[in-house]
C-alpha atoms as a PDB file:
ATOM      1  CA  MET A   1      11.458  14.327 -35.618  1.00  0.00           C
ATOM      2  CA  TYR A   2       9.149  11.942 -34.023  1.00  0.00           C
ATOM      3  CA  THR A   3       5.466  12.669 -33.924  1.00  0.00           C
ATOM      4  CA  LYS A   4       3.607  13.501 -30.958  1.00  0.00           C
ATOM      5  CA  ASN A   5       2.126  10.672 -29.171  1.00  0.00           C
ATOM      6  CA  GLN A   6       4.294   8.180 -30.921  1.00  0.00           C
ATOM      7  CA  THR A   7       5.741   5.318 -28.867  1.00  0.00           C
ATOM      8  CA  LEU A   8       8.430   3.675 -30.724  1.00  0.00           C
ATOM      9  CA  VAL A   9       9.374   1.401 -27.704  1.00  0.00           C
ATOM     10  CA  ASN A  10       7.038  -2.027 -27.323  1.00  0.00           C
ATOM     11  CA  GLU A  11       8.735  -3.534 -24.628  1.00  0.00           C
ATOM     12  CA  ILE A  12       9.953  -2.271 -21.245  1.00  0.00           C
ATOM     13  CA  VAL A  13      13.066  -4.149 -19.802  1.00  0.00           C
ATOM     14  CA  LEU A  14      13.673  -3.951 -15.930  1.00  0.00           C
ATOM     15  CA  LEU A  15      16.778  -4.447 -14.688  1.00  0.00           C
ATOM     16  CA  GLY A  16      15.873  -5.206 -11.007  1.00  0.00           C
ATOM     17  CA  PHE A  17      19.010  -5.885  -8.474  1.00  0.00           C
ATOM     18  CA  GLN A  18      21.852  -6.599 -10.784  1.00  0.00           C
ATOM     19  CA  ASN A  19      25.244  -8.412  -9.629  1.00  0.00           C
ATOM     20  CA  LEU A  20      23.994 -10.601  -7.276  1.00  0.00           C
ATOM     21  CA  HIS A  21      25.832 -13.511  -7.746  1.00  0.00           C
ATOM     22  CA  ASN A  22      25.749 -15.796  -5.040  1.00  0.00           C
ATOM     23  CA  PHE A  23      22.544 -14.323  -3.445  1.00  0.00           C
ATOM     24  CA  LYS A  24      20.509 -14.704  -6.428  1.00  0.00           C
ATOM     25  CA  VAL A  25      18.747 -18.363  -5.008  1.00  0.00           C
ATOM     26  CA  PRO A  26      18.836 -17.202  -1.827  1.00  0.00           C
ATOM     27  CA  LEU A  27      16.699 -13.600  -2.114  1.00  0.00           C
ATOM     28  CA  PHE A  28      14.566 -15.527  -4.790  1.00  0.00           C
ATOM     29  CA  PHE A  29      13.407 -18.047  -1.992  1.00  0.00           C
ATOM     30  CA  LEU A  30      13.291 -15.289   0.768  1.00  0.00           C
ATOM     31  CA  PHE A  31      10.971 -13.061  -1.588  1.00  0.00           C
ATOM     32  CA  LEU A  32       9.019 -15.970  -2.626  1.00  0.00           C
ATOM     33  CA  LEU A  33       8.418 -16.683   1.181  1.00  0.00           C
ATOM     34  CA  ILE A  34       7.435 -13.305   2.019  1.00  0.00           C
ATOM     35  CA  TYR A  35       5.047 -13.299  -0.783  1.00  0.00           C
ATOM     36  CA  ILE A  36       3.327 -16.456   0.046  1.00  0.00           C
ATOM     37  CA  MET A  37       3.223 -15.622   3.921  1.00  0.00           C
ATOM     38  CA  THR A  38       1.595 -12.187   2.294  1.00  0.00           C
ATOM     39  CA  LEU A  39      -0.977 -13.695   0.382  1.00  0.00           C
ATOM     40  CA  TRP A  40      -1.890 -15.910   3.553  1.00  0.00           C
ATOM     41  CA  GLU A  41      -1.821 -13.778   6.057  1.00  0.00           C
ATOM     42  CA  ASN A  42      -4.112 -11.216   4.279  1.00  0.00           C
ATOM     43  CA  ILE A  43      -6.431 -13.878   2.933  1.00  0.00           C
ATOM     44  CA  LEU A  44      -6.659 -14.842   6.615  1.00  0.00           C
ATOM     45  CA  ILE A  45      -7.595 -11.633   7.920  1.00  0.00           C
ATOM     46  CA  MET A  46     -10.296 -11.313   5.208  1.00  0.00           C
ATOM     47  CA  VAL A  47     -11.914 -14.786   5.985  1.00  0.00           C
ATOM     48  CA  LEU A  48     -11.753 -14.094   9.831  1.00  0.00           C
ATOM     49  CA  VAL A  49     -13.330 -10.592   9.589  1.00  0.00           C
ATOM     50  CA  ALA A  50     -15.783 -11.480   7.039  1.00  0.00           C
ATOM     51  CA  SER A  51     -16.867 -15.005   8.953  1.00  0.00           C
ATOM     52  CA  SER A  52     -16.387 -13.525  12.451  1.00  0.00           C
ATOM     53  CA  ARG A  53     -19.396 -11.815  14.403  1.00  0.00           C
ATOM     54  CA  ASN A  54     -16.562 -10.396  17.179  1.00  0.00           C
ATOM     55  CA  LEU A  55     -15.402  -8.596  14.157  1.00  0.00           C
ATOM     56  CA  GLN A  56     -17.775  -7.130  12.596  1.00  0.00           C
ATOM     57  CA  SER A  57     -16.402  -3.532  14.386  1.00  0.00           C
ATOM     58  CA  PRO A  58     -15.215  -0.696  11.920  1.00  0.00           C
ATOM     59  CA  MET A  59     -11.764  -1.158  12.980  1.00  0.00           C
ATOM     60  CA  TYR A  60     -12.000  -4.561  11.769  1.00  0.00           C
ATOM     61  CA  PHE A  61     -13.969  -4.099   8.648  1.00  0.00           C
ATOM     62  CA  PHE A  62     -10.938  -1.072   7.657  1.00  0.00           C
ATOM     63  CA  LEU A  63      -8.366  -3.615   8.534  1.00  0.00           C
ATOM     64  CA  GLN A  64     -10.189  -6.212   5.746  1.00  0.00           C
ATOM     65  CA  GLN A  65      -9.987  -3.431   3.395  1.00  0.00           C
ATOM     66  CA  LEU A  66      -5.875  -2.852   3.760  1.00  0.00           C
ATOM     67  CA  SER A  67      -5.714  -6.294   3.686  1.00  0.00           C
ATOM     68  CA  GLN A  68      -7.554  -6.083   0.192  1.00  0.00           C
ATOM     69  CA  ALA A  69      -5.095  -3.534  -1.177  1.00  0.00           C
ATOM     70  CA  ASP A  70      -2.087  -4.916   0.357  1.00  0.00           C
ATOM     71  CA  LEU A  71      -2.893  -8.362  -1.447  1.00  0.00           C
ATOM     72  CA  LEU A  72      -3.309  -6.776  -4.666  1.00  0.00           C
ATOM     73  CA  GLU A  73      -0.263  -4.445  -4.473  1.00  0.00           C
ATOM     74  CA  SER A  74       1.504  -7.937  -3.432  1.00  0.00           C
ATOM     75  CA  THR A  75       0.518  -9.328  -6.455  1.00  0.00           C
ATOM     76  CA  ASN A  76       1.055  -6.912  -8.950  1.00  0.00           C
ATOM     77  CA  ILE A  77       4.884  -6.226  -8.074  1.00  0.00           C
ATOM     78  CA  VAL A  78       6.252  -9.535  -6.274  1.00  0.00           C
ATOM     79  CA  PRO A  79       6.075 -11.743  -9.250  1.00  0.00           C
ATOM     80  CA  ILE A  80       7.965  -9.696 -11.673  1.00  0.00           C
ATOM     81  CA  LEU A  81      10.562  -9.067  -8.694  1.00  0.00           C
ATOM     82  CA  LEU A  82      10.895 -12.811  -8.444  1.00  0.00           C
ATOM     83  CA  GLN A  83      11.401 -12.768 -12.499  1.00  0.00           C
ATOM     84  CA  THR A  84      14.078 -10.090 -12.272  1.00  0.00           C
ATOM     85  CA  VAL A  85      15.819 -11.815  -9.097  1.00  0.00           C
ATOM     86  CA  ILE A  86      16.510 -15.107 -10.995  1.00  0.00           C
ATOM     87  CA  HIS A  87      16.550 -13.787 -14.727  1.00  0.00           C
ATOM     88  CA  ASP A  88      18.734 -10.893 -13.973  1.00  0.00           C
ATOM     89  CA  GLY A  89      15.999  -8.713 -15.227  1.00  0.00           C
ATOM     90  CA  ALA A  90      12.073  -8.798 -16.720  1.00  0.00           C
ATOM     91  CA  THR A  91      10.588  -7.923 -19.839  1.00  0.00           C
ATOM     92  CA  LEU A  92       7.220  -6.754 -19.854  1.00  0.00           C
ATOM     93  CA  SER A  93       5.016  -5.197 -22.725  1.00  0.00           C
ATOM     94  CA  PHE A  94       4.671  -1.610 -22.900  1.00  0.00           C
ATOM     95  CA  GLY A  95       0.936  -2.217 -21.868  1.00  0.00           C
ATOM     96  CA  GLY A  96       1.698  -4.373 -19.331  1.00  0.00           C
ATOM     97  CA  CYS A  97       3.986  -1.949 -18.068  1.00  0.00           C
ATOM     98  CA  LEU A  98       1.527   0.586 -17.758  1.00  0.00           C
ATOM     99  CA  THR A  99      -0.768  -1.661 -16.190  1.00  0.00           C
ATOM    100  CA  GLN A 100       1.381  -2.533 -13.557  1.00  0.00           C
ATOM    101  CA  PHE A 101       1.917   1.165 -13.031  1.00  0.00           C
ATOM    102  CA  TYR A 102      -1.733   2.046 -12.767  1.00  0.00           C
ATOM    103  CA  PHE A 103      -2.626  -0.534 -10.303  1.00  0.00           C
ATOM    104  CA  PHE A 104       0.625   0.186  -8.250  1.00  0.00           C
ATOM    105  CA  THR A 105      -0.452   4.055  -7.693  1.00  0.00           C
ATOM    106  CA  VAL A 106      -4.523   2.826  -7.472  1.00  0.00           C
ATOM    107  CA  THR A 107      -3.239   0.634  -3.948  1.00  0.00           C
ATOM    108  CA  GLU A 108      -0.820   3.437  -3.103  1.00  0.00           C
ATOM    109  CA  ALA A 109      -3.176   5.924  -3.299  1.00  0.00           C
ATOM    110  CA  PHE A 110      -6.052   4.236  -1.574  1.00  0.00           C
ATOM    111  CA  GLU A 111      -4.117   3.367   1.052  1.00  0.00           C
ATOM    112  CA  CYS A 112      -3.502   6.801   2.045  1.00  0.00           C
ATOM    113  CA  LEU A 113      -7.423   7.412   2.284  1.00  0.00           C
ATOM    114  CA  LEU A 114      -7.831   4.312   4.194  1.00  0.00           C
ATOM    115  CA  LEU A 115      -5.329   5.042   6.700  1.00  0.00           C
ATOM    116  CA  THR A 116      -7.247   8.752   7.180  1.00  0.00           C
ATOM    117  CA  VAL A 117     -10.527   6.738   7.413  1.00  0.00           C
ATOM    118  CA  MET A 118      -9.088   4.729  10.161  1.00  0.00           C
ATOM    119  CA  SER A 119      -7.219   7.642  12.150  1.00  0.00           C
ATOM    120  CA  TYR A 120     -10.662   9.060  11.806  1.00  0.00           C
ATOM    121  CA  ASP A 121     -11.895   6.042  13.352  1.00  0.00           C
ATOM    122  CA  ARG A 122     -10.251   6.307  16.209  1.00  0.00           C
ATOM    123  CA  TYR A 123     -10.536  10.171  16.752  1.00  0.00           C
ATOM    124  CA  VAL A 124     -14.265   9.270  17.234  1.00  0.00           C
ATOM    125  CA  ALA A 125     -13.722   6.192  18.979  1.00  0.00           C
ATOM    126  CA  ILE A 126     -11.274   7.838  21.901  1.00  0.00           C
ATOM    127  CA  CYS A 127     -12.796  11.417  21.483  1.00  0.00           C
ATOM    128  CA  ASN A 128     -16.427  10.959  21.176  1.00  0.00           C
ATOM    129  CA  PRO A 129     -17.211   7.462  22.332  1.00  0.00           C
ATOM    130  CA  LEU A 130     -21.093   7.501  23.316  1.00  0.00           C
ATOM    131  CA  HIS A 131     -21.540   8.677  19.377  1.00  0.00           C
ATOM    132  CA  TYR A 132     -19.107   6.149  18.134  1.00  0.00           C
ATOM    133  CA  SER A 133     -22.082   3.532  17.145  1.00  0.00           C
ATOM    134  CA  SER A 134     -24.133   6.143  15.573  1.00  0.00           C
ATOM    135  CA  ILE A 135     -21.229   8.436  13.450  1.00  0.00           C
ATOM    136  CA  MET A 136     -19.378   4.730  12.524  1.00  0.00           C
ATOM    137  CA  SER A 137     -22.465   2.997  11.553  1.00  0.00           C
ATOM    138  CA  HIS A 138     -21.560  -0.080   8.751  1.00  0.00           C
ATOM    139  CA  LYS A 139     -23.610   1.866   6.128  1.00  0.00           C
ATOM    140  CA  PHE A 140     -21.380   4.930   6.402  1.00  0.00           C
ATOM    141  CA  CYS A 141     -18.199   2.825   6.843  1.00  0.00           C
ATOM    142  CA  THR A 142     -19.389   1.057   3.357  1.00  0.00           C
ATOM    143  CA  LYS A 143     -19.958   4.176   2.364  1.00  0.00           C
ATOM    144  CA  LEU A 144     -16.243   5.462   2.538  1.00  0.00           C
ATOM    145  CA  MET A 145     -14.872   2.458   1.555  1.00  0.00           C
ATOM    146  CA  PHE A 146     -16.879   2.464  -1.944  1.00  0.00           C
ATOM    147  CA  LEU A 147     -15.931   6.211  -2.849  1.00  0.00           C
ATOM    148  CA  SER A 148     -12.130   5.573  -1.855  1.00  0.00           C
ATOM    149  CA  TRP A 149     -12.013   3.116  -4.407  1.00  0.00           C
ATOM    150  CA  ALA A 150     -13.921   4.872  -6.853  1.00  0.00           C
ATOM    151  CA  LEU A 151     -11.826   8.194  -6.402  1.00  0.00           C
ATOM    152  CA  VAL A 152      -8.659   6.319  -6.833  1.00  0.00           C
ATOM    153  CA  PHE A 153      -9.309   4.361  -9.800  1.00  0.00           C
ATOM    154  CA  VAL A 154     -10.460   7.126 -11.481  1.00  0.00           C
ATOM    155  CA  ILE A 155      -7.834   9.487 -10.515  1.00  0.00           C
ATOM    156  CA  GLU A 156      -5.085   7.627 -11.143  1.00  0.00           C
ATOM    157  CA  LEU A 157      -6.274   7.210 -15.118  1.00  0.00           C
ATOM    158  CA  ILE A 158      -4.985  10.683 -15.447  1.00  0.00           C
ATOM    159  CA  PRO A 159      -1.254  10.094 -14.615  1.00  0.00           C
ATOM    160  CA  MET A 160      -1.303   6.420 -16.400  1.00  0.00           C
ATOM    161  CA  ASN A 161      -3.010   8.172 -19.884  1.00  0.00           C
ATOM    162  CA  LEU A 162      -0.557  11.020 -19.536  1.00  0.00           C
ATOM    163  CA  VAL A 163       2.800   8.240 -19.416  1.00  0.00           C
ATOM    164  CA  ARG A 164       1.435   6.517 -22.444  1.00  0.00           C
ATOM    165  CA  THR A 165       1.288   9.551 -24.429  1.00  0.00           C
ATOM    166  CA  LEU A 166       4.675  10.036 -24.049  1.00  0.00           C
ATOM    167  CA  GLN A 167       7.264   8.890 -26.367  1.00  0.00           C
ATOM    168  CA  PHE A 168       9.573   6.538 -25.284  1.00  0.00           C
ATOM    169  CA  CYS A 169      11.994   6.468 -28.517  1.00  0.00           C
ATOM    170  CA  ASP A 170      14.764   3.910 -28.672  1.00  0.00           C
ATOM    171  CA  ARG A 171      15.559   3.321 -24.854  1.00  0.00           C
ATOM    172  CA  ASN A 172      13.687   0.890 -22.786  1.00  0.00           C
ATOM    173  CA  THR A 173      15.660   0.021 -19.760  1.00  0.00           C
ATOM    174  CA  ILE A 174      14.367   0.875 -16.418  1.00  0.00           C
ATOM    175  CA  ASN A 175      17.088   0.241 -13.413  1.00  0.00           C
ATOM    176  CA  HIS A 176      14.053  -0.936 -11.316  1.00  0.00           C
ATOM    177  CA  PHE A 177      12.339  -3.675 -10.449  1.00  0.00           C
ATOM    178  CA  PHE A 178       8.754  -2.202 -11.386  1.00  0.00           C
ATOM    179  CA  CYS A 179       7.226   0.254 -13.255  1.00  0.00           C
ATOM    180  CA  ASP A 180       7.275   3.345 -11.157  1.00  0.00           C
ATOM    181  CA  PHE A 181       6.863   6.938 -11.977  1.00  0.00           C
ATOM    182  CA  PHE A 182      10.278   8.500 -11.725  1.00  0.00           C
ATOM    183  CA  PRO A 183      11.921   5.643 -13.502  1.00  0.00           C
ATOM    184  CA  LEU A 184       9.381   5.706 -16.288  1.00  0.00           C
ATOM    185  CA  VAL A 185       9.839   9.907 -16.612  1.00  0.00           C
ATOM    186  CA  GLU A 186      13.321   9.325 -16.661  1.00  0.00           C
ATOM    187  CA  LEU A 187      13.191   7.000 -20.070  1.00  0.00           C
ATOM    188  CA  SER A 188      11.018   8.871 -21.817  1.00  0.00           C
ATOM    189  CA  CYS A 189      12.566  11.018 -24.500  1.00  0.00           C
ATOM    190  CA  SER A 190       9.882  13.887 -24.546  1.00  0.00           C
ATOM    191  CA  ASP A 191       8.500  16.850 -22.392  1.00  0.00           C
ATOM    192  CA  THR A 192       7.470  15.478 -19.052  1.00  0.00           C
ATOM    193  CA  PHE A 193       6.954  19.201 -17.131  1.00  0.00           C
ATOM    194  CA  LEU A 194       3.038  18.634 -17.799  1.00  0.00           C
ATOM    195  CA  LEU A 195       3.317  14.785 -16.130  1.00  0.00           C
ATOM    196  CA  GLN A 196       5.291  16.144 -13.064  1.00  0.00           C
ATOM    197  CA  ILE A 197       2.805  19.317 -12.238  1.00  0.00           C
ATOM    198  CA  VAL A 198      -0.038  16.776 -12.484  1.00  0.00           C
ATOM    199  CA  ALA A 199       1.377  14.506 -10.531  1.00  0.00           C
ATOM    200  CA  PHE A 200       2.269  16.752  -7.449  1.00  0.00           C
ATOM    201  CA  LEU A 201      -1.430  18.244  -7.734  1.00  0.00           C
ATOM    202  CA  LEU A 202      -2.657  14.951  -7.590  1.00  0.00           C
ATOM    203  CA  SER A 203      -0.339  14.206  -4.451  1.00  0.00           C
ATOM    204  CA  VAL A 204      -1.975  17.229  -2.569  1.00  0.00           C
ATOM    205  CA  PRO A 205      -5.487  15.494  -2.147  1.00  0.00           C
ATOM    206  CA  ILE A 206      -4.334  11.748  -2.296  1.00  0.00           C
ATOM    207  CA  ILE A 207      -0.911  12.053   0.011  1.00  0.00           C
ATOM    208  CA  PHE A 208      -0.240  15.514   1.987  1.00  0.00           C
ATOM    209  CA  MET A 209      -3.869  16.223   2.915  1.00  0.00           C
ATOM    210  CA  PRO A 210      -4.165  12.528   4.413  1.00  0.00           C
ATOM    211  CA  PHE A 211      -1.478  13.092   6.160  1.00  0.00           C
ATOM    212  CA  ILE A 212      -2.482  16.531   7.644  1.00  0.00           C
ATOM    213  CA  LEU A 213      -6.083  15.002   8.574  1.00  0.00           C
ATOM    214  CA  ILE A 214      -3.834  11.957  10.239  1.00  0.00           C
ATOM    215  CA  THR A 215      -1.445  14.231  12.161  1.00  0.00           C
ATOM    216  CA  GLY A 216      -4.857  16.379  13.434  1.00  0.00           C
ATOM    217  CA  SER A 217      -6.457  13.103  14.210  1.00  0.00           C
ATOM    218  CA  TYR A 218      -3.736  12.107  16.750  1.00  0.00           C
ATOM    219  CA  ILE A 219      -3.210  15.337  18.443  1.00  0.00           C
ATOM    220  CA  CYS A 220      -6.634  15.638  19.318  1.00  0.00           C
ATOM    221  CA  ILE A 221      -6.312  12.023  20.391  1.00  0.00           C
ATOM    222  CA  ALA A 222      -3.362  12.844  22.399  1.00  0.00           C
ATOM    223  CA  ASN A 223      -5.110  15.046  23.999  1.00  0.00           C
ATOM    224  CA  ALA A 224      -7.716  13.260  24.972  1.00  0.00           C
ATOM    225  CA  ILE A 225      -5.568  10.433  26.341  1.00  0.00           C
ATOM    226  CA  ARG A 226      -3.779  12.886  28.594  1.00  0.00           C
ATOM    227  CA  ASN A 227      -7.163  14.155  30.023  1.00  0.00           C
ATOM    228  CA  ILE A 228      -7.904  10.463  30.917  1.00  0.00           C
ATOM    229  CA  THR A 229      -7.333   9.805  34.728  1.00  0.00           C
ATOM    230  CA  SER A 230      -6.747   6.236  35.049  1.00  0.00           C
ATOM    231  CA  ASN A 231      -3.701   4.866  34.155  1.00  0.00           C
ATOM    232  CA  ILE A 232      -5.475   1.431  32.652  1.00  0.00           C
ATOM    233  CA  GLY A 233      -7.630   4.137  30.477  1.00  0.00           C
ATOM    234  CA  ARG A 234      -4.738   5.840  29.248  1.00  0.00           C
ATOM    235  CA  GLN A 235      -3.169   2.521  28.380  1.00  0.00           C
ATOM    236  CA  LYS A 236      -5.873   1.054  26.996  1.00  0.00           C
ATOM    237  CA  ALA A 237      -6.735   4.087  24.606  1.00  0.00           C
ATOM    238  CA  PHE A 238      -2.861   3.889  23.691  1.00  0.00           C
ATOM    239  CA  SER A 239      -3.280   0.523  22.570  1.00  0.00           C
ATOM    240  CA  THR A 240      -6.101   0.948  20.419  1.00  0.00           C
ATOM    241  CA  CYS A 241      -3.934   3.496  18.091  1.00  0.00           C
ATOM    242  CA  SER A 242      -0.313   2.259  18.428  1.00  0.00           C
ATOM    243  CA  SER A 243      -0.937  -0.181  15.589  1.00  0.00           C
ATOM    244  CA  HIS A 244      -2.221   2.159  13.278  1.00  0.00           C
ATOM    245  CA  LEU A 245       0.296   4.595  14.344  1.00  0.00           C
ATOM    246  CA  ALA A 246       3.372   2.033  13.533  1.00  0.00           C
ATOM    247  CA  VAL A 247       1.719   1.266  10.020  1.00  0.00           C
ATOM    248  CA  VAL A 248       1.220   4.950   9.299  1.00  0.00           C
ATOM    249  CA  SER A 249       4.904   5.916  10.227  1.00  0.00           C
ATOM    250  CA  ILE A 250       6.393   3.081   8.274  1.00  0.00           C
ATOM    251  CA  PHE A 251       4.180   3.627   5.200  1.00  0.00           C
ATOM    252  CA  TYR A 252       4.523   7.520   5.288  1.00  0.00           C
ATOM    253  CA  GLY A 253       8.258   7.723   6.128  1.00  0.00           C
ATOM    254  CA  THR A 254       9.315   5.402   2.851  1.00  0.00           C
ATOM    255  CA  LEU A 255       6.454   7.176   0.826  1.00  0.00           C
ATOM    256  CA  SER A 256       8.611  10.389   1.795  1.00  0.00           C
ATOM    257  CA  ALA A 257      11.686   9.005   1.366  1.00  0.00           C
ATOM    258  CA  ILE A 258      11.312   8.084  -2.111  1.00  0.00           C
ATOM    259  CA  TYR A 259       8.734  10.482  -3.622  1.00  0.00           C
ATOM    260  CA  VAL A 260       8.941  13.821  -1.815  1.00  0.00           C
ATOM    261  CA  VAL A 261      12.817  13.829  -1.558  1.00  0.00           C
ATOM    262  CA  PRO A 262      13.674  11.272  -4.488  1.00  0.00           C
ATOM    263  CA  PRO A 263      17.031   9.736  -4.358  1.00  0.00           C
ATOM    264  CA  LYS A 264      19.470  10.918  -7.325  1.00  0.00           C
ATOM    265  CA  LYS A 265      20.607   8.726 -10.109  1.00  0.00           C
ATOM    266  CA  GLU A 266      23.696   7.370  -7.720  1.00  0.00           C
ATOM    267  CA  SER A 267      21.404   6.334  -5.025  1.00  0.00           C
ATOM    268  CA  GLN A 268      19.272   4.124  -7.115  1.00  0.00           C
ATOM    269  CA  THR A 269      20.403   0.867  -5.030  1.00  0.00           C
ATOM    270  CA  ILE A 270      18.880   3.280  -2.265  1.00  0.00           C
ATOM    271  CA  SER A 271      15.920   4.093  -3.885  1.00  0.00           C
ATOM    272  CA  LYS A 272      15.039   0.077  -4.998  1.00  0.00           C
ATOM    273  CA  ILE A 273      16.008  -0.574  -1.098  1.00  0.00           C
ATOM    274  CA  LEU A 274      13.380   1.706  -0.315  1.00  0.00           C
ATOM    275  CA  SER A 275      10.991   0.237  -2.692  1.00  0.00           C
ATOM    276  CA  LEU A 276      11.346  -2.805  -1.491  1.00  0.00           C
ATOM    277  CA  LEU A 277       9.854  -1.786   2.051  1.00  0.00           C
ATOM    278  CA  TYR A 278       6.847  -0.645   0.929  1.00  0.00           C
ATOM    279  CA  THR A 279       5.961  -2.775  -1.890  1.00  0.00           C
ATOM    280  CA  VAL A 280       7.341  -5.965  -0.249  1.00  0.00           C
ATOM    281  CA  LEU A 281       7.661  -5.649   3.396  1.00  0.00           C
ATOM    282  CA  ILE A 282       4.593  -3.063   4.577  1.00  0.00           C
ATOM    283  CA  PRO A 283       1.855  -5.876   3.252  1.00  0.00           C
ATOM    284  CA  PHE A 284       3.822  -8.592   5.064  1.00  0.00           C
ATOM    285  CA  VAL A 285       4.059  -6.681   8.116  1.00  0.00           C
ATOM    286  CA  ASN A 286       0.887  -5.036   8.147  1.00  0.00           C
ATOM    287  CA  PRO A 287      -1.182  -8.460   9.109  1.00  0.00           C
ATOM    288  CA  ILE A 288       1.575  -9.287  11.745  1.00  0.00           C
ATOM    289  CA  ILE A 289       1.331  -5.413  13.405  1.00  0.00           C
ATOM    290  CA  TYR A 290      -2.742  -5.486  13.752  1.00  0.00           C
ATOM    291  CA  GLY A 291      -3.111  -9.463  14.155  1.00  0.00           C
ATOM    292  CA  LEU A 292      -0.568  -9.959  16.685  1.00  0.00           C
ATOM    293  CA  ARG A 293      -1.638  -7.248  18.988  1.00  0.00           C
ATOM    294  CA  SER A 294      -5.540  -7.934  18.316  1.00  0.00           C
ATOM    295  CA  LYS A 295      -7.089 -10.270  20.937  1.00  0.00           C
ATOM    296  CA  HIS A 296     -10.196 -10.488  18.986  1.00  0.00           C
ATOM    297  CA  ILE A 297      -7.978 -11.750  15.920  1.00  0.00           C
ATOM    298  CA  LYS A 298      -6.403 -14.079  17.804  1.00  0.00           C
ATOM    299  CA  ASP A 299      -9.728 -15.175  19.406  1.00  0.00           C
ATOM    300  CA  ALA A 300     -11.525 -15.218  15.955  1.00  0.00           C
ATOM    301  CA  PHE A 301      -8.312 -17.630  14.847  1.00  0.00           C
ATOM    302  CA  LYS A 302      -8.802 -20.230  17.565  1.00  0.00           C
ATOM    303  CA  MET A 303     -12.335 -20.395  16.720  1.00  0.00           C
ATOM    304  CA  TRP A 304     -11.668 -20.386  12.716  1.00  0.00           C
ATOM    305  CA  LYS A 305      -9.282 -23.393  12.993  1.00  0.00           C
ATOM    306  CA  PRO A 306     -11.590 -26.541  13.901  1.00  0.00           C
ATOM    307  CA  HIS A 307     -14.363 -24.810  11.408  1.00  0.00           C
ATOM    308  CA  ALA A 308     -11.693 -25.232   8.897  1.00  0.00           C
ATOM    309  CA  HIS A 309     -10.871 -28.433   9.956  1.00  0.00           C
ATOM    310  CA  LEU A 310     -14.524 -29.755   9.702  1.00  0.00           C
ATOM    311  CA  LEU A 311     -14.787 -28.294   6.167  1.00  0.00           C
ATOM    312  CA  ARG A 312     -11.356 -30.031   4.895  1.00  0.00           C
ATOM    313  CA  GLU A 313     -13.193 -33.728   6.602  1.00  0.00           C
ATOM    314  CA  GLY A 314     -16.195 -33.141   4.830  1.00  0.00           C
END
């Protein structure tokens, strides 16, 4: 009989993608290239927003926060993914697995809150433009981001500590490329009912409520755009929201496919492919969606390149 809170497993083995054969090396270099590009893109966004006077609006401040979250998530997931690809698996300590799970849930939860704040920013900009500067002040935006980061770091300690108290007996192999919620729950040999109830209750303020608020914001935005008389005004208003809508659609689409309707055990390959979308592809695509569509980002980059060249020469 196992005693309560006893963990008999000290290491967790991640199987990753099995039977890659001749695709192992190409996939390794593909993921490595995506990771390097993700680092470069997000660091560039953060540097440009911090250094350019033309990028001091709330929209770009929130974009900088999104880049920080994407950078943290990608660095948390991709190095282990690369190890599972090239070595047909990876071994983490139990504490390392919990740490990866914690920071993964933190970044995902923060992105949910951030996308909600960004939708509110677009709502105020389009539906209440005369009071935009007074409502979305730098002080207010900074407080929102501080509270969001603090909230997710504290809230996500709850499921992480509950997972830590589970029994993991003699099984230590996870058919995934990172320590995710459902694989850890399935691995445990103790009762996980309380953990799943807590996870569901926490998903209400972190996932479902933000999605409802985002949807409500865009219903109001759509009505406001419909009332704009000029075609140019409509196009301009829509263009300020299209990038955010694209990010929200990709993020919540993959999140829903994994966690709202989780794939069955026989669909683990599909589950892993979907997980690649939001852990690897989204952090890579987000700066492209925002950067390529933003004239201010492009102008700031053009101005930044000569300064960077002078710094290297100095």
